[in-house]
Amino acid sequence: MRLIKNTTELIRIKDPNIIISLVFENAYTHIEVQAKLDYPVYETTF
């Protein structure tokens, strides 16, 4: 696995509330992104 830099530009995330913590390229077949929201998520009931 290798760490990928400039991930926000690479996957074109436009939401400033998403914080990317780790990005890896696994065996040149797929990219794994670990991210979290900068604000709490409220549950809704339907």
Protein backbone atom coordinates (compact mmCIF):
# COMPACT_ATOMS: atom_id res chain seq x y z
CA MET A 1 0.00 0.00 0.00
CA ARG A 2 1.18 3.49 -0.69
CA LEU A 3 -0.05 6.78 0.72
CA ILE A 4 -1.59 9.16 -1.81
CA LYS A 5 -1.17 12.92 -1.38
CA ASN A 6 -3.47 15.72 -2.58
CA THR A 7 -6.48 13.44 -2.20
CA THR A 8 -9.03 16.23 -2.03
CA GLU A 9 -7.98 17.41 -5.48
CA LEU A 10 -7.79 13.85 -6.79
CA ILE A 11 -11.37 12.85 -5.93
CA ARG A 12 -12.77 16.40 -6.19
CA ILE A 13 -14.39 16.73 -2.77
CA LYS A 14 -16.08 20.12 -2.54
CA ASP A 15 -17.55 19.83 0.97
CA PRO A 16 -15.23 21.60 3.45
CA ASN A 17 -16.80 19.64 6.35
CA ILE A 18 -15.30 16.33 5.21
CA ILE A 19 -11.90 15.61 6.73
CA ILE A 20 -9.83 12.92 5.02
CA SER A 21 -7.61 11.06 7.46
CA LEU A 22 -5.99 8.30 5.36
CA VAL A 23 -5.84 7.34 1.70
CA PHE A 24 -4.12 4.21 0.40
CA GLU A 25 -3.81 2.57 -2.99
CA ASN A 26 -4.07 -1.21 -2.49
CA ALA A 27 -2.20 -3.39 -5.00
CA TYR A 28 -2.92 -0.92 -7.82
CA THR A 29 -6.53 -2.15 -8.03
CA HIS A 30 -8.51 0.19 -5.77
CA ILE A 31 -8.18 3.21 -3.50
CA GLU A 32 -9.23 3.14 0.16
CA VAL A 33 -10.30 6.46 1.72
CA GLN A 34 -10.93 6.99 5.43
CA ALA A 35 -12.78 10.22 6.20
CA LYS A 36 -15.07 11.79 8.79
CA LEU A 37 -17.50 14.69 9.03
CA ASP A 38 -16.46 17.82 10.90
CA TYR A 39 -19.91 18.16 12.52
CA PRO A 40 -22.24 15.72 14.36
CA VAL A 41 -24.75 13.76 12.31
CA TYR A 42 -28.31 13.85 13.59
CA GLU A 43 -30.47 10.76 13.27
CA THR A 44 -33.88 11.07 11.64
CA THR A 45 -36.78 8.68 11.97
CA PHE A 46 -39.15 7.93 9.14
